[in-house]
Amino acid sequence: MELSENIKPISYLNANAAEVIEKLKTSHQPLVITQNGEAAMVVQSVADYEQTQESLALLKMLAQSQQALAEGNTVSSEEAFSRLRKRRGLA
């Protein structure tokens, strides 16, 4: 992704909002908006934002799992399945 190609001033966003929305939906690339010559915000489609949030949640779960493993906070697969069966009333 060439972020430098997706940098526009806020005046461009104001003047071309509908076009920007369509481009964001189809390109799946974020748009950096500048104000007074400096980066001020990043705009992306809702679908891409949701995908980003899901990816971050998965990465957070992975990091938590790695930390639990490093700390020795684990149980065997047999114990894990036993606990699940008990919770579901299957044991």
PDB file of N, CA and C in Angstrom:
ATOM      1  N   MET A   1       0.845  -1.183   0.000  1.00  0.00           N
ATOM      2  CA  MET A   1       0.000   0.000   0.000  1.00  0.00           C
ATOM      3  C   MET A   1       0.881   1.233   0.000  1.00  0.00           C
ATOM      4  N   GLU A   2       0.636   2.102  -0.947  1.00  0.00           N
ATOM      5  CA  GLU A   2       1.355   3.366  -1.036  1.00  0.00           C
ATOM      6  C   GLU A   2       0.543   4.441  -0.319  1.00  0.00           C
ATOM      7  N   LEU A   3       0.836   4.645   0.937  1.00  0.00           N
ATOM      8  CA  LEU A   3       0.085   5.614   1.725  1.00  0.00           C
ATOM      9  C   LEU A   3       0.263   7.026   1.171  1.00  0.00           C
ATOM     10  N   SER A   4       1.436   7.307   0.607  1.00  0.00           N
ATOM     11  CA  SER A   4       1.690   8.657   0.088  1.00  0.00           C
ATOM     12  C   SER A   4       0.738   9.038  -1.040  1.00  0.00           C
ATOM     13  N   GLU A   5       0.150   8.048  -1.714  1.00  0.00           N
ATOM     14  CA  GLU A   5      -0.803   8.336  -2.787  1.00  0.00           C
ATOM     15  C   GLU A   5      -2.198   8.633  -2.238  1.00  0.00           C
ATOM     16  N   ASN A   6      -2.422   8.356  -0.986  1.00  0.00           N
ATOM     17  CA  ASN A   6      -3.741   8.535  -0.384  1.00  0.00           C
ATOM     18  C   ASN A   6      -3.733   9.613   0.691  1.00  0.00           C
ATOM     19  N   ILE A   7      -3.110  10.713   0.386  1.00  0.00           N
ATOM     20  CA  ILE A   7      -3.058  11.855   1.306  1.00  0.00           C
ATOM     21  C   ILE A   7      -3.740  13.031   0.615  1.00  0.00           C
ATOM     22  N   LYS A   8      -4.735  13.571   1.288  1.00  0.00           N
ATOM     23  CA  LYS A   8      -5.487  14.700   0.719  1.00  0.00           C
ATOM     24  C   LYS A   8      -5.749  15.732   1.814  1.00  0.00           C
ATOM     25  N   PRO A   9      -5.851  17.008   1.410  1.00  0.00           N
ATOM     26  CA  PRO A   9      -6.208  18.033   2.396  1.00  0.00           C
ATOM     27  C   PRO A   9      -7.689  17.939   2.752  1.00  0.00           C
ATOM     28  N   ILE A  10      -8.018  18.492   3.871  1.00  0.00           N
ATOM     29  CA  ILE A  10      -9.403  18.442   4.340  1.00  0.00           C
ATOM     30  C   ILE A  10     -10.341  19.135   3.355  1.00  0.00           C
ATOM     31  N   SER A  11      -9.859  20.113   2.633  1.00  0.00           N
ATOM     32  CA  SER A  11     -10.697  20.789   1.637  1.00  0.00           C
ATOM     33  C   SER A  11     -11.109  19.821   0.525  1.00  0.00           C
ATOM     34  N   TYR A  12     -10.230  18.881   0.174  1.00  0.00           N
ATOM     35  CA  TYR A  12     -10.572  17.875  -0.837  1.00  0.00           C
ATOM     36  C   TYR A  12     -11.700  16.986  -0.320  1.00  0.00           C
ATOM     37  N   LEU A  13     -11.611  16.595   0.939  1.00  0.00           N
ATOM     38  CA  LEU A  13     -12.668  15.771   1.538  1.00  0.00           C
ATOM     39  C   LEU A  13     -13.994  16.525   1.545  1.00  0.00           C
ATOM     40  N   ASN A  14     -13.953  17.780   1.912  1.00  0.00           N
ATOM     41  CA  ASN A  14     -15.177  18.591   1.940  1.00  0.00           C
ATOM     42  C   ASN A  14     -15.804  18.712   0.562  1.00  0.00           C
ATOM     43  N   ALA A  15     -14.995  18.891  -0.459  1.00  0.00           N
ATOM     44  CA  ALA A  15     -15.499  19.113  -1.807  1.00  0.00           C
ATOM     45  C   ALA A  15     -15.876  17.827  -2.537  1.00  0.00           C
ATOM     46  N   ASN A  16     -15.335  16.702  -2.104  1.00  0.00           N
ATOM     47  CA  ASN A  16     -15.518  15.450  -2.834  1.00  0.00           C
ATOM     48  C   ASN A  16     -15.954  14.298  -1.940  1.00  0.00           C
ATOM     49  N   ALA A  17     -16.756  14.568  -0.946  1.00  0.00           N
ATOM     50  CA  ALA A  17     -17.116  13.554   0.047  1.00  0.00           C
ATOM     51  C   ALA A  17     -17.718  12.295  -0.573  1.00  0.00           C
ATOM     52  N   ALA A  18     -18.665  12.443  -1.476  1.00  0.00           N
ATOM     53  CA  ALA A  18     -19.314  11.269  -2.074  1.00  0.00           C
ATOM     54  C   ALA A  18     -18.311  10.429  -2.854  1.00  0.00           C
ATOM     55  N   GLU A  19     -17.454  11.074  -3.623  1.00  0.00           N
ATOM     56  CA  GLU A  19     -16.416  10.363  -4.392  1.00  0.00           C
ATOM     57  C   GLU A  19     -15.439   9.649  -3.459  1.00  0.00           C
ATOM     58  N   VAL A  20     -15.055  10.307  -2.383  1.00  0.00           N
ATOM     59  CA  VAL A  20     -14.138   9.711  -1.408  1.00  0.00           C
ATOM     60  C   VAL A  20     -14.763   8.468  -0.796  1.00  0.00           C
ATOM     61  N   ILE A  21     -16.028   8.549  -0.433  1.00  0.00           N
ATOM     62  CA  ILE A  21     -16.714   7.398   0.161  1.00  0.00           C
ATOM     63  C   ILE A  21     -16.698   6.215  -0.789  1.00  0.00           C
ATOM     64  N   GLU A  22     -17.015   6.436  -2.042  1.00  0.00           N
ATOM     65  CA  GLU A  22     -17.019   5.348  -3.023  1.00  0.00           C
ATOM     66  C   GLU A  22     -15.628   4.755  -3.207  1.00  0.00           C
ATOM     67  N   LYS A  23     -14.626   5.623  -3.268  1.00  0.00           N
ATOM     68  CA  LYS A  23     -13.254   5.139  -3.451  1.00  0.00           C
ATOM     69  C   LYS A  23     -12.808   4.311  -2.249  1.00  0.00           C
ATOM     70  N   LEU A  24     -13.160   4.745  -1.059  1.00  0.00           N
ATOM     71  CA  LEU A  24     -12.793   4.001   0.146  1.00  0.00           C
ATOM     72  C   LEU A  24     -13.434   2.621   0.151  1.00  0.00           C
ATOM     73  N   LYS A  25     -14.684   2.548  -0.285  1.00  0.00           N
ATOM     74  CA  LYS A  25     -15.392   1.264  -0.317  1.00  0.00           C
ATOM     75  C   LYS A  25     -14.774   0.298  -1.313  1.00  0.00           C
ATOM     76  N   THR A  26     -14.334   0.805  -2.456  1.00  0.00           N
ATOM     77  CA  THR A  26     -13.827  -0.083  -3.504  1.00  0.00           C
ATOM     78  C   THR A  26     -12.335  -0.362  -3.399  1.00  0.00           C
ATOM     79  N   SER A  27     -11.557   0.600  -2.942  1.00  0.00           N
ATOM     80  CA  SER A  27     -10.099   0.428  -2.896  1.00  0.00           C
ATOM     81  C   SER A  27      -9.629  -0.272  -1.624  1.00  0.00           C
ATOM     82  N   HIS A  28     -10.430  -0.174  -0.563  1.00  0.00           N
ATOM     83  CA  HIS A  28     -10.063  -0.732   0.744  1.00  0.00           C
ATOM     84  C   HIS A  28      -8.755  -0.144   1.265  1.00  0.00           C
ATOM     85  N   GLN A  29      -8.440   1.056   0.834  1.00  0.00           N
ATOM     86  CA  GLN A  29      -7.248   1.760   1.281  1.00  0.00           C
ATOM     87  C   GLN A  29      -7.674   2.959   2.125  1.00  0.00           C
ATOM     88  N   PRO A  30      -7.016   3.181   3.246  1.00  0.00           N
ATOM     89  CA  PRO A  30      -7.361   4.351   4.059  1.00  0.00           C
ATOM     90  C   PRO A  30      -6.909   5.639   3.376  1.00  0.00           C
ATOM     91  N   LEU A  31      -7.506   6.726   3.776  1.00  0.00           N
ATOM     92  CA  LEU A  31      -7.173   8.045   3.246  1.00  0.00           C
ATOM     93  C   LEU A  31      -6.694   8.912   4.411  1.00  0.00           C
ATOM     94  N   VAL A  32      -5.514   9.473   4.263  1.00  0.00           N
ATOM     95  CA  VAL A  32      -4.973  10.381   5.282  1.00  0.00           C
ATOM     96  C   VAL A  32      -5.413  11.792   4.929  1.00  0.00           C
ATOM     97  N   ILE A  33      -6.034  12.455   5.879  1.00  0.00           N
ATOM     98  CA  ILE A  33      -6.518  13.822   5.688  1.00  0.00           C
ATOM     99  C   ILE A  33      -5.576  14.772   6.422  1.00  0.00           C
ATOM    100  N   THR A  34      -5.146  15.798   5.714  1.00  0.00           N
ATOM    101  CA  THR A  34      -4.260  16.789   6.329  1.00  0.00           C
ATOM    102  C   THR A  34      -5.025  18.060   6.642  1.00  0.00           C
ATOM    103  N   GLN A  35      -4.520  18.754   7.631  1.00  0.00           N
ATOM    104  CA  GLN A  35      -5.071  20.056   7.999  1.00  0.00           C
ATOM    105  C   GLN A  35      -3.886  20.956   8.305  1.00  0.00           C
ATOM    106  N   ASN A  36      -3.831  22.076   7.653  1.00  0.00           N
ATOM    107  CA  ASN A  36      -2.697  23.001   7.795  1.00  0.00           C
ATOM    108  C   ASN A  36      -1.371  22.307   7.486  1.00  0.00           C
ATOM    109  N   GLY A  37      -1.400  21.404   6.499  1.00  0.00           N
ATOM    110  CA  GLY A  37      -0.184  20.740   6.044  1.00  0.00           C
ATOM    111  C   GLY A  37       0.294  19.569   6.880  1.00  0.00           C
ATOM    112  N   GLU A  38      -0.442  19.223   7.917  1.00  0.00           N
ATOM    113  CA  GLU A  38      -0.053  18.108   8.777  1.00  0.00           C
ATOM    114  C   GLU A  38      -1.146  17.058   8.807  1.00  0.00           C
ATOM    115  N   ALA A  39      -0.732  15.788   8.933  1.00  0.00           N
ATOM    116  CA  ALA A  39      -1.697  14.702   9.022  1.00  0.00           C
ATOM    117  C   ALA A  39      -2.598  14.929  10.226  1.00  0.00           C
ATOM    118  N   ALA A  40      -3.910  14.844   9.998  1.00  0.00           N
ATOM    119  CA  ALA A  40      -4.871  15.116  11.064  1.00  0.00           C
ATOM    120  C   ALA A  40      -5.747  13.907  11.384  1.00  0.00           C
ATOM    121  N   MET A  41      -6.043  13.075  10.361  1.00  0.00           N
ATOM    122  CA  MET A  41      -6.909  11.926  10.604  1.00  0.00           C
ATOM    123  C   MET A  41      -6.746  10.917   9.486  1.00  0.00           C
ATOM    124  N   VAL A  42      -7.227   9.723   9.757  1.00  0.00           N
ATOM    125  CA  VAL A  42      -7.279   8.663   8.759  1.00  0.00           C
ATOM    126  C   VAL A  42      -8.738   8.280   8.596  1.00  0.00           C
ATOM    127  N   VAL A  43      -9.185   8.193   7.344  1.00  0.00           N
ATOM    128  CA  VAL A  43     -10.569   7.840   7.046  1.00  0.00           C
ATOM    129  C   VAL A  43     -10.555   6.501   6.314  1.00  0.00           C
ATOM    130  N   GLN A  44     -11.474   5.611   6.714  1.00  0.00           N
ATOM    131  CA  GLN A  44     -11.600   4.326   6.035  1.00  0.00           C
ATOM    132  C   GLN A  44     -13.058   3.901   6.046  1.00  0.00           C
ATOM    133  N   SER A  45     -13.388   2.931   5.210  1.00  0.00           N
ATOM    134  CA  SER A  45     -14.773   2.473   5.153  1.00  0.00           C
ATOM    135  C   SER A  45     -15.129   1.740   6.446  1.00  0.00           C
ATOM    136  N   VAL A  46     -16.410   1.662   6.716  1.00  0.00           N
ATOM    137  CA  VAL A  46     -16.872   0.957   7.917  1.00  0.00           C
ATOM    138  C   VAL A  46     -16.471  -0.515   7.858  1.00  0.00           C
ATOM    139  N   ALA A  47     -16.618  -1.140   6.693  1.00  0.00           N
ATOM    140  CA  ALA A  47     -16.261  -2.562   6.559  1.00  0.00           C
ATOM    141  C   ALA A  47     -14.783  -2.777   6.863  1.00  0.00           C
ATOM    142  N   ASP A  48     -13.925  -1.908   6.368  1.00  0.00           N
ATOM    143  CA  ASP A  48     -12.496  -2.036   6.636  1.00  0.00           C
ATOM    144  C   ASP A  48     -12.182  -1.758   8.101  1.00  0.00           C
ATOM    145  N   TYR A  49     -12.878  -0.806   8.703  1.00  0.00           N
ATOM    146  CA  TYR A  49     -12.698  -0.524  10.125  1.00  0.00           C
ATOM    147  C   TYR A  49     -13.078  -1.740  10.966  1.00  0.00           C
ATOM    148  N   GLU A  50     -14.209  -2.351  10.642  1.00  0.00           N
ATOM    149  CA  GLU A  50     -14.638  -3.537  11.385  1.00  0.00           C
ATOM    150  C   GLU A  50     -13.631  -4.672  11.239  1.00  0.00           C
ATOM    151  N   GLN A  51     -13.102  -4.851  10.046  1.00  0.00           N
ATOM    152  CA  GLN A  51     -12.103  -5.897   9.823  1.00  0.00           C
ATOM    153  C   GLN A  51     -10.844  -5.608  10.637  1.00  0.00           C
ATOM    154  N   THR A  52     -10.448  -4.361  10.691  1.00  0.00           N
ATOM    155  CA  THR A  52      -9.284  -3.967  11.484  1.00  0.00           C
ATOM    156  C   THR A  52      -9.516  -4.274  12.964  1.00  0.00           C
ATOM    157  N   GLN A  53     -10.712  -3.950  13.456  1.00  0.00           N
ATOM    158  CA  GLN A  53     -11.025  -4.204  14.865  1.00  0.00           C
ATOM    159  C   GLN A  53     -11.018  -5.702  15.177  1.00  0.00           C
ATOM    160  N   GLU A  54     -11.555  -6.519  14.262  1.00  0.00           N
ATOM    161  CA  GLU A  54     -11.540  -7.967  14.456  1.00  0.00           C
ATOM    162  C   GLU A  54     -10.112  -8.497  14.474  1.00  0.00           C
ATOM    163  N   SER A  55      -9.277  -7.985  13.588  1.00  0.00           N
ATOM    164  CA  SER A  55      -7.874  -8.408  13.545  1.00  0.00           C
ATOM    165  C   SER A  55      -7.166  -8.039  14.841  1.00  0.00           C
ATOM    166  N   LEU A  56      -7.415  -6.845  15.339  1.00  0.00           N
ATOM    167  CA  LEU A  56      -6.805  -6.421  16.603  1.00  0.00           C
ATOM    168  C   LEU A  56      -7.267  -7.294  17.763  1.00  0.00           C
ATOM    169  N   ALA A  57      -8.548  -7.662  17.772  1.00  0.00           N
ATOM    170  CA  ALA A  57      -9.064  -8.523  18.837  1.00  0.00           C
ATOM    171  C   ALA A  57      -8.383  -9.893  18.795  1.00  0.00           C
ATOM    172  N   LEU A  58      -8.208 -10.441  17.599  1.00  0.00           N
ATOM    173  CA  LEU A  58      -7.524 -11.735  17.470  1.00  0.00           C
ATOM    174  C   LEU A  58      -6.069 -11.640  17.911  1.00  0.00           C
ATOM    175  N   LEU A  59      -5.401 -10.560  17.544  1.00  0.00           N
ATOM    176  CA  LEU A  59      -4.019 -10.372  17.973  1.00  0.00           C
ATOM    177  C   LEU A  59      -3.921 -10.241  19.491  1.00  0.00           C
ATOM    178  N   LYS A  60      -4.893  -9.566  20.104  1.00  0.00           N
ATOM    179  CA  LYS A  60      -4.906  -9.420  21.559  1.00  0.00           C
ATOM    180  C   LYS A  60      -5.090 -10.782  22.227  1.00  0.00           C
ATOM    181  N   MET A  61      -6.000 -11.608  21.668  1.00  0.00           N
ATOM    182  CA  MET A  61      -6.205 -12.946  22.231  1.00  0.00           C
ATOM    183  C   MET A  61      -4.943 -13.791  22.083  1.00  0.00           C
ATOM    184  N   LEU A  62      -4.255 -13.667  20.972  1.00  0.00           N
ATOM    185  CA  LEU A  62      -3.016 -14.402  20.754  1.00  0.00           C
ATOM    186  C   LEU A  62      -1.957 -13.972  21.764  1.00  0.00           C
ATOM    187  N   ALA A  63      -1.824 -12.679  21.976  1.00  0.00           N
ATOM    188  CA  ALA A  63      -0.853 -12.171  22.948  1.00  0.00           C
ATOM    189  C   ALA A  63      -1.181 -12.658  24.360  1.00  0.00           C
ATOM    190  N   GLN A  64      -2.472 -12.666  24.715  1.00  0.00           N
ATOM    191  CA  GLN A  64      -2.878 -13.150  26.034  1.00  0.00           C
ATOM    192  C   GLN A  64      -2.577 -14.641  26.180  1.00  0.00           C
ATOM    193  N   SER A  65      -2.793 -15.395  25.109  1.00  0.00           N
ATOM    194  CA  SER A  65      -2.505 -16.824  25.136  1.00  0.00           C
ATOM    195  C   SER A  65      -1.017 -17.070  25.305  1.00  0.00           C
ATOM    196  N   GLN A  66      -0.211 -16.320  24.587  1.00  0.00           N
ATOM    197  CA  GLN A  66       1.237 -16.470  24.701  1.00  0.00           C
ATOM    198  C   GLN A  66       1.710 -16.108  26.107  1.00  0.00           C
ATOM    199  N   GLN A  67       1.121 -15.084  26.701  1.00  0.00           N
ATOM    200  CA  GLN A  67       1.481 -14.696  28.059  1.00  0.00           C
ATOM    201  C   GLN A  67       1.082 -15.785  29.050  1.00  0.00           C
ATOM    202  N   ALA A  68      -0.110 -16.341  28.896  1.00  0.00           N
ATOM    203  CA  ALA A  68      -0.561 -17.422  29.789  1.00  0.00           C
ATOM    204  C   ALA A  68       0.358 -18.629  29.665  1.00  0.00           C
ATOM    205  N   LEU A  69       0.765 -18.938  28.457  1.00  0.00           N
ATOM    206  CA  LEU A  69       1.671 -20.062  28.238  1.00  0.00           C
ATOM    207  C   LEU A  69       3.013 -19.802  28.904  1.00  0.00           C
ATOM    208  N   ALA A  70       3.538 -18.595  28.750  1.00  0.00           N
ATOM    209  CA  ALA A  70       4.820 -18.242  29.358  1.00  0.00           C
ATOM    210  C   ALA A  70       4.753 -18.294  30.884  1.00  0.00           C
ATOM    211  N   GLU A  71       3.594 -17.962  31.449  1.00  0.00           N
ATOM    212  CA  GLU A  71       3.416 -17.972  32.902  1.00  0.00           C
ATOM    213  C   GLU A  71       3.029 -19.348  33.435  1.00  0.00           C
ATOM    214  N   GLY A  72       2.829 -20.296  32.527  1.00  0.00           N
ATOM    215  CA  GLY A  72       2.453 -21.640  32.955  1.00  0.00           C
ATOM    216  C   GLY A  72       0.991 -21.782  33.317  1.00  0.00           C
ATOM    217  N   ASN A  73       0.160 -20.837  32.912  1.00  0.00           N
ATOM    218  CA  ASN A  73      -1.279 -20.887  33.190  1.00  0.00           C
ATOM    219  C   ASN A  73      -1.988 -21.694  32.105  1.00  0.00           C
ATOM    220  N   THR A  74      -1.756 -22.976  32.100  1.00  0.00           N
ATOM    221  CA  THR A  74      -2.339 -23.844  31.082  1.00  0.00           C
ATOM    222  C   THR A  74      -2.980 -25.065  31.735  1.00  0.00           C
ATOM    223  N   VAL A  75      -3.837 -25.731  30.981  1.00  0.00           N
ATOM    224  CA  VAL A  75      -4.416 -27.009  31.413  1.00  0.00           C
ATOM    225  C   VAL A  75      -4.329 -27.960  30.224  1.00  0.00           C
ATOM    226  N   SER A  76      -4.375 -29.236  30.509  1.00  0.00           N
ATOM    227  CA  SER A  76      -4.327 -30.224  29.439  1.00  0.00           C
ATOM    228  C   SER A  76      -5.614 -30.158  28.616  1.00  0.00           C
ATOM    229  N   SER A  77      -5.562 -30.703  27.410  1.00  0.00           N
ATOM    230  CA  SER A  77      -6.757 -30.715  26.576  1.00  0.00           C
ATOM    231  C   SER A  77      -7.864 -31.530  27.238  1.00  0.00           C
ATOM    232  N   GLU A  78      -7.492 -32.616  27.926  1.00  0.00           N
ATOM    233  CA  GLU A  78      -8.496 -33.420  28.620  1.00  0.00           C
ATOM    234  C   GLU A  78      -9.226 -32.602  29.674  1.00  0.00           C
ATOM    235  N   GLU A  79      -8.463 -31.819  30.446  1.00  0.00           N
ATOM    236  CA  GLU A  79      -9.058 -30.971  31.484  1.00  0.00           C
ATOM    237  C   GLU A  79      -9.939 -29.888  30.854  1.00  0.00           C
ATOM    238  N   ALA A  80      -9.474 -29.284  29.774  1.00  0.00           N
ATOM    239  CA  ALA A  80     -10.249 -28.235  29.113  1.00  0.00           C
ATOM    240  C   ALA A  80     -11.581 -28.783  28.617  1.00  0.00           C
ATOM    241  N   PHE A  81     -11.551 -29.957  27.968  1.00  0.00           N
ATOM    242  CA  PHE A  81     -12.793 -30.548  27.466  1.00  0.00           C
ATOM    243  C   PHE A  81     -13.698 -30.984  28.606  1.00  0.00           C
ATOM    244  N   SER A  82     -13.115 -31.452  29.688  1.00  0.00           N
ATOM    245  CA  SER A  82     -13.907 -31.834  30.861  1.00  0.00           C
ATOM    246  C   SER A  82     -14.649 -30.616  31.425  1.00  0.00           C
ATOM    247  N   ARG A  83     -13.960 -29.498  31.525  1.00  0.00           N
ATOM    248  CA  ARG A  83     -14.586 -28.265  32.016  1.00  0.00           C
ATOM    249  C   ARG A  83     -15.713 -27.809  31.092  1.00  0.00           C
ATOM    250  N   LEU A  84     -15.485 -27.912  29.782  1.00  0.00           N
ATOM    251  CA  LEU A  84     -16.530 -27.524  28.830  1.00  0.00           C
ATOM    252  C   LEU A  84     -17.755 -28.425  28.953  1.00  0.00           C
ATOM    253  N   ARG A  85     -17.533 -29.709  29.090  1.00  0.00           N
ATOM    254  CA  ARG A  85     -18.654 -30.643  29.245  1.00  0.00           C
ATOM    255  C   ARG A  85     -19.470 -30.317  30.487  1.00  0.00           C
ATOM    256  N   LYS A  86     -18.778 -30.000  31.590  1.00  0.00           N
ATOM    257  CA  LYS A  86     -19.469 -29.660  32.834  1.00  0.00           C
ATOM    258  C   LYS A  86     -20.297 -28.382  32.660  1.00  0.00           C
ATOM    259  N   ARG A  87     -19.732 -27.384  31.997  1.00  0.00           N
ATOM    260  CA  ARG A  87     -20.468 -26.137  31.767  1.00  0.00           C
ATOM    261  C   ARG A  87     -21.712 -26.345  30.922  1.00  0.00           C
ATOM    262  N   ARG A  88     -21.639 -27.271  30.002  1.00  0.00           N
ATOM    263  CA  ARG A  88     -22.757 -27.539  29.099  1.00  0.00           C
ATOM    264  C   ARG A  88     -23.702 -28.621  29.634  1.00  0.00           C
ATOM    265  N   GLY A  89     -23.388 -29.132  30.820  1.00  0.00           N
ATOM    266  CA  GLY A  89     -24.219 -30.166  31.415  1.00  0.00           C
ATOM    267  C   GLY A  89     -24.113 -31.498  30.700  1.00  0.00           C
ATOM    268  N   LEU A  90     -22.971 -31.761  30.112  1.00  0.00           N
ATOM    269  CA  LEU A  90     -22.765 -33.002  29.371  1.00  0.00           C
ATOM    270  C   LEU A  90     -21.932 -34.018  30.140  1.00  0.00           C
ATOM    271  N   ALA A  91     -21.484 -33.647  31.315  1.00  0.00           N
ATOM    272  CA  ALA A  91     -20.617 -34.552  32.077  1.00  0.00           C
ATOM    273  C   ALA A  91     -21.385 -35.318  33.130  1.00  0.00           C
TER     274      ALA A  91
END
